[in-house]
């Protein structure tokens, strides 16, 4: 210990007090507890009984004991981590179950319209939010939002968006533009500056045979007119305003479309058009438009099935980087 103490005085004076203390308590042997390439601790031993120093055989035995002790410590740490990971897994599974119950579980159907949705989160829980709302006079409200980010943080904001949307719509007679404005104010007040959501909301007025909509920075949904002279004519619903939650006083404008039997609305998040195949090619809007034109004559359930199947075939085993959601609404003939 005297040699070590002299070395510390010359090279590592900050450790002199520790070494002096070890000398005072009679330290005779220090054995590192090494697991793989890491040292998890040090085994400190005082003088052996009846002797002043440890023999070479004693030191060899201590090395074996130290390795076993290091493994025990490492196993205990791994067990603790495994328990922590299991707790997190259970929490995430519960959050996914709660989120799934928040979203509409079935399609919605009236005498005038049928609406259904498909969603595939990139992780156990996602940031895409959609909802179907029963309105006065047999009307239907359709909402689709894409919260920035992924995972638990996005899912929490998603739940807040859905809850606030239902509260806003429950106020009664309120236009899509007013809904977007109120939702924007809520998100701006309730989230950090970098949190935001794209948002699309449409109201089907069965009595007036009209669709009123607002688009807050969302991917433009496709509207296929059954009465169009050419089947290649697909309208993009772009009008509205900027993304929700970024600015405190954003203004929004709504648009109105006359609807007829057989008309089709497809609203989607960018996870659909950005879905890649194993060759790193995106599904893209043009491919989606072509698909919608091809299957627009089918019932809503079949359109959902065909579209989701086309996406699975396209993606195959390629990684999914973003939540994927789409809504199909069709006016009954």
Foldseek 3Di string as FASTA:
>chain_A
DVVVLVVCVVPPVVCNVVVVVCVVVAWADKAFLDDDHDTPGIDTDHADPPDNHDDPVRVVVVNVVSPVVSVVVVVVVVVVVVVVVVVVVVVLLVLLVVLVVLEDPAWDDDPWKIKDKDWDFLDSAFQWEWHWDQAPPRKIKIKIKGKPDTDDVSSVVNVVLSVVLVVVPVVHDDAQQRSLLVSLQVLQVPDDLPIFMWMKMWMQNPVQQKIKIATAQFFFKWKQAPPDPDLLDIDTRDAWYHTGNNDNGTGTDMDMDHHDALMKIKGKHVLQQQQAAPVNDGCHDVVVSVLCSVCSNDDQVVSNVVSVVVSCVRHPPPRRDGMIMMMMMGTHD
